[in-house]
Amino acid sequence: MQAVNEPIAAETASFRACLPQAGGARNLSSSSLYTQLQFLPAPGMTNDALSGHHPHLSVIIALVMSTQKFMLTEFPWDQRYQLSSIADVLTPALLLYPEILAANIDRTVELLDGDPDRWRVHIKTAKLSYTVRTLVARGIRNFKCATTLELLLACQCGAADVLLAYPSVGANAQRVQAIAAQFPGVQVSILAESAEQIRQWRGSQVGIFLDVNPGMNRTGIDQNNAEKIVALVHEIPANGLDFRGLHYYDGQYGGVAEPERTEQAHAGYHRLLNLVNEVERGARHVPEVITSGTPTFPCSLSFAGFRNAQFIHRVSPGTIVYCDASSLAQLPNLRGYRPVVLVLARVVSQPSLGIVTCDAGHKAVSADAGVPTCLVIGHPELAPRAPSEEHLPLAVQEGATPPQVGEAVYLLPRHICPTVNNFDNALLVRKGAIESIEQVSARGHESSLLRTKQKASS
């Protein structure tokens, strides 16, 4: 028995190391999962169908299935998603439904008591100028972004106030200053967590938010280190800069079930309020506090301490604009949201009994959040397996009729943000017809050489 269990234990330990931990699934790289997950099953596959894949596969299956939380396994068909003709559509294709987009935006504003000023939407998801302009047209003027290209997009599309919520150093900081100077009517802010980072902005019109680490352990100052935060608040005006507030991204709770998620988020918000009090006892007012991505959006809505506060409290969910198979599972009690963006694919092969393959590998539908990477809308009998670069095998439930080669499938991604970033453009679909082709304007990053940017603007 010992000889059998030792290799199983070794396989289990090595495999567990590459699995997403609670709250960390969205931060897991696709490369760390890819090799291990090539032989993994899709939900619904039988043990007989798995024979020959791996000697200890049953152990690994149990581990993987235990991590597949907060993702829908099926989504009913909605006729609004149907394209009347795909004869001239190259697949895989990104589809965007503007009427559902408007409805999701309006629903979010409704949850914010009808006040769009309370939403500092993160456009890492939106990516398209069409979407950002739609947000602006519906009253959203405050934005948050992660790249200089997203910052530029927001400024070009009519934003009034943009926070680059990512540490900027070196040439990146110079580029931010150039964009801020190019758009003097837009209030541009950045994050800082040290005196050195603050000083690099001297002489610019860029404002400073201090980045507080609530336990995400990605960036920021430990929220328990009030002494350092108070000192940095004083460092900002000493360098001729504006202190704009505190940034507090509690994304580590995305993998925590309710009611624990809300309990833990609220405990963090109480510590955050104590920190605000510490800063204000040091004779500095905190103008704004930013919290909450999509998973903790409901937590912030229910936290009494943010109501009637002396600071402006803004939430910053971005995924909620489009929604995906993860966010819809994370937010079951927030009614009124639907997927805005899907990936259209075609079945290209039936390599074996019980398997069909479509043309939406991980270069189309991102695999960063794990496997399965998506679900097939209206087809619970089709279970996506581990993708390769251009191929996505689908396991067909026993007894079900498989789709034929050439047939279209509509995929709801597990993680929509990097999926949108995989495409150069999106097809706007209204009432079954393609209305326009819209560029994914903030895909990727700007040109890597700063001098190229300086020449282009001169």
Foldseek 3Di string as FASTA:
>chain_A
DVVVVVVLVVVLVVLLVQAADQLRLLVRAPVSCQVVFPLADFPQDDPVVSPPSDPNRVSVNVSNVVRPAQFDLAAADDCFPAFPDCPPPDPFAKEFAVVLLLQLLCLLCVLVVVDLAQAAAECLQVLFLVSLLSNVVSPHQHYEYAFLLVVLSSLVNRHAEYENEYQADDLRVVSQQVSCVVRVRHAYEYEDADLVSLLVCQPGQYAYAYEEELPPPPDGDDLVPLVSVLVVCVSNVVSVHHHAAYEYEPSSLLRPAPPVSLVSVLVSVVSVVVSQVSNVVSVDHGAEYEYEELLCVVSVSPRPQQPPDPHRYHYYYHCSSAPFRNSCSSCVPSPRHDGRMKTKWFFAADPDPQKTKIFAFCLQQPQSSHPPFWHWHNCSQWTWGHGDNGIIMTGGNPPDDDDDGGDMTIIGGRRSSVNLLSDQWHFHAGPSHGPDITGSSSRDHDPPDSVVVVVVVD
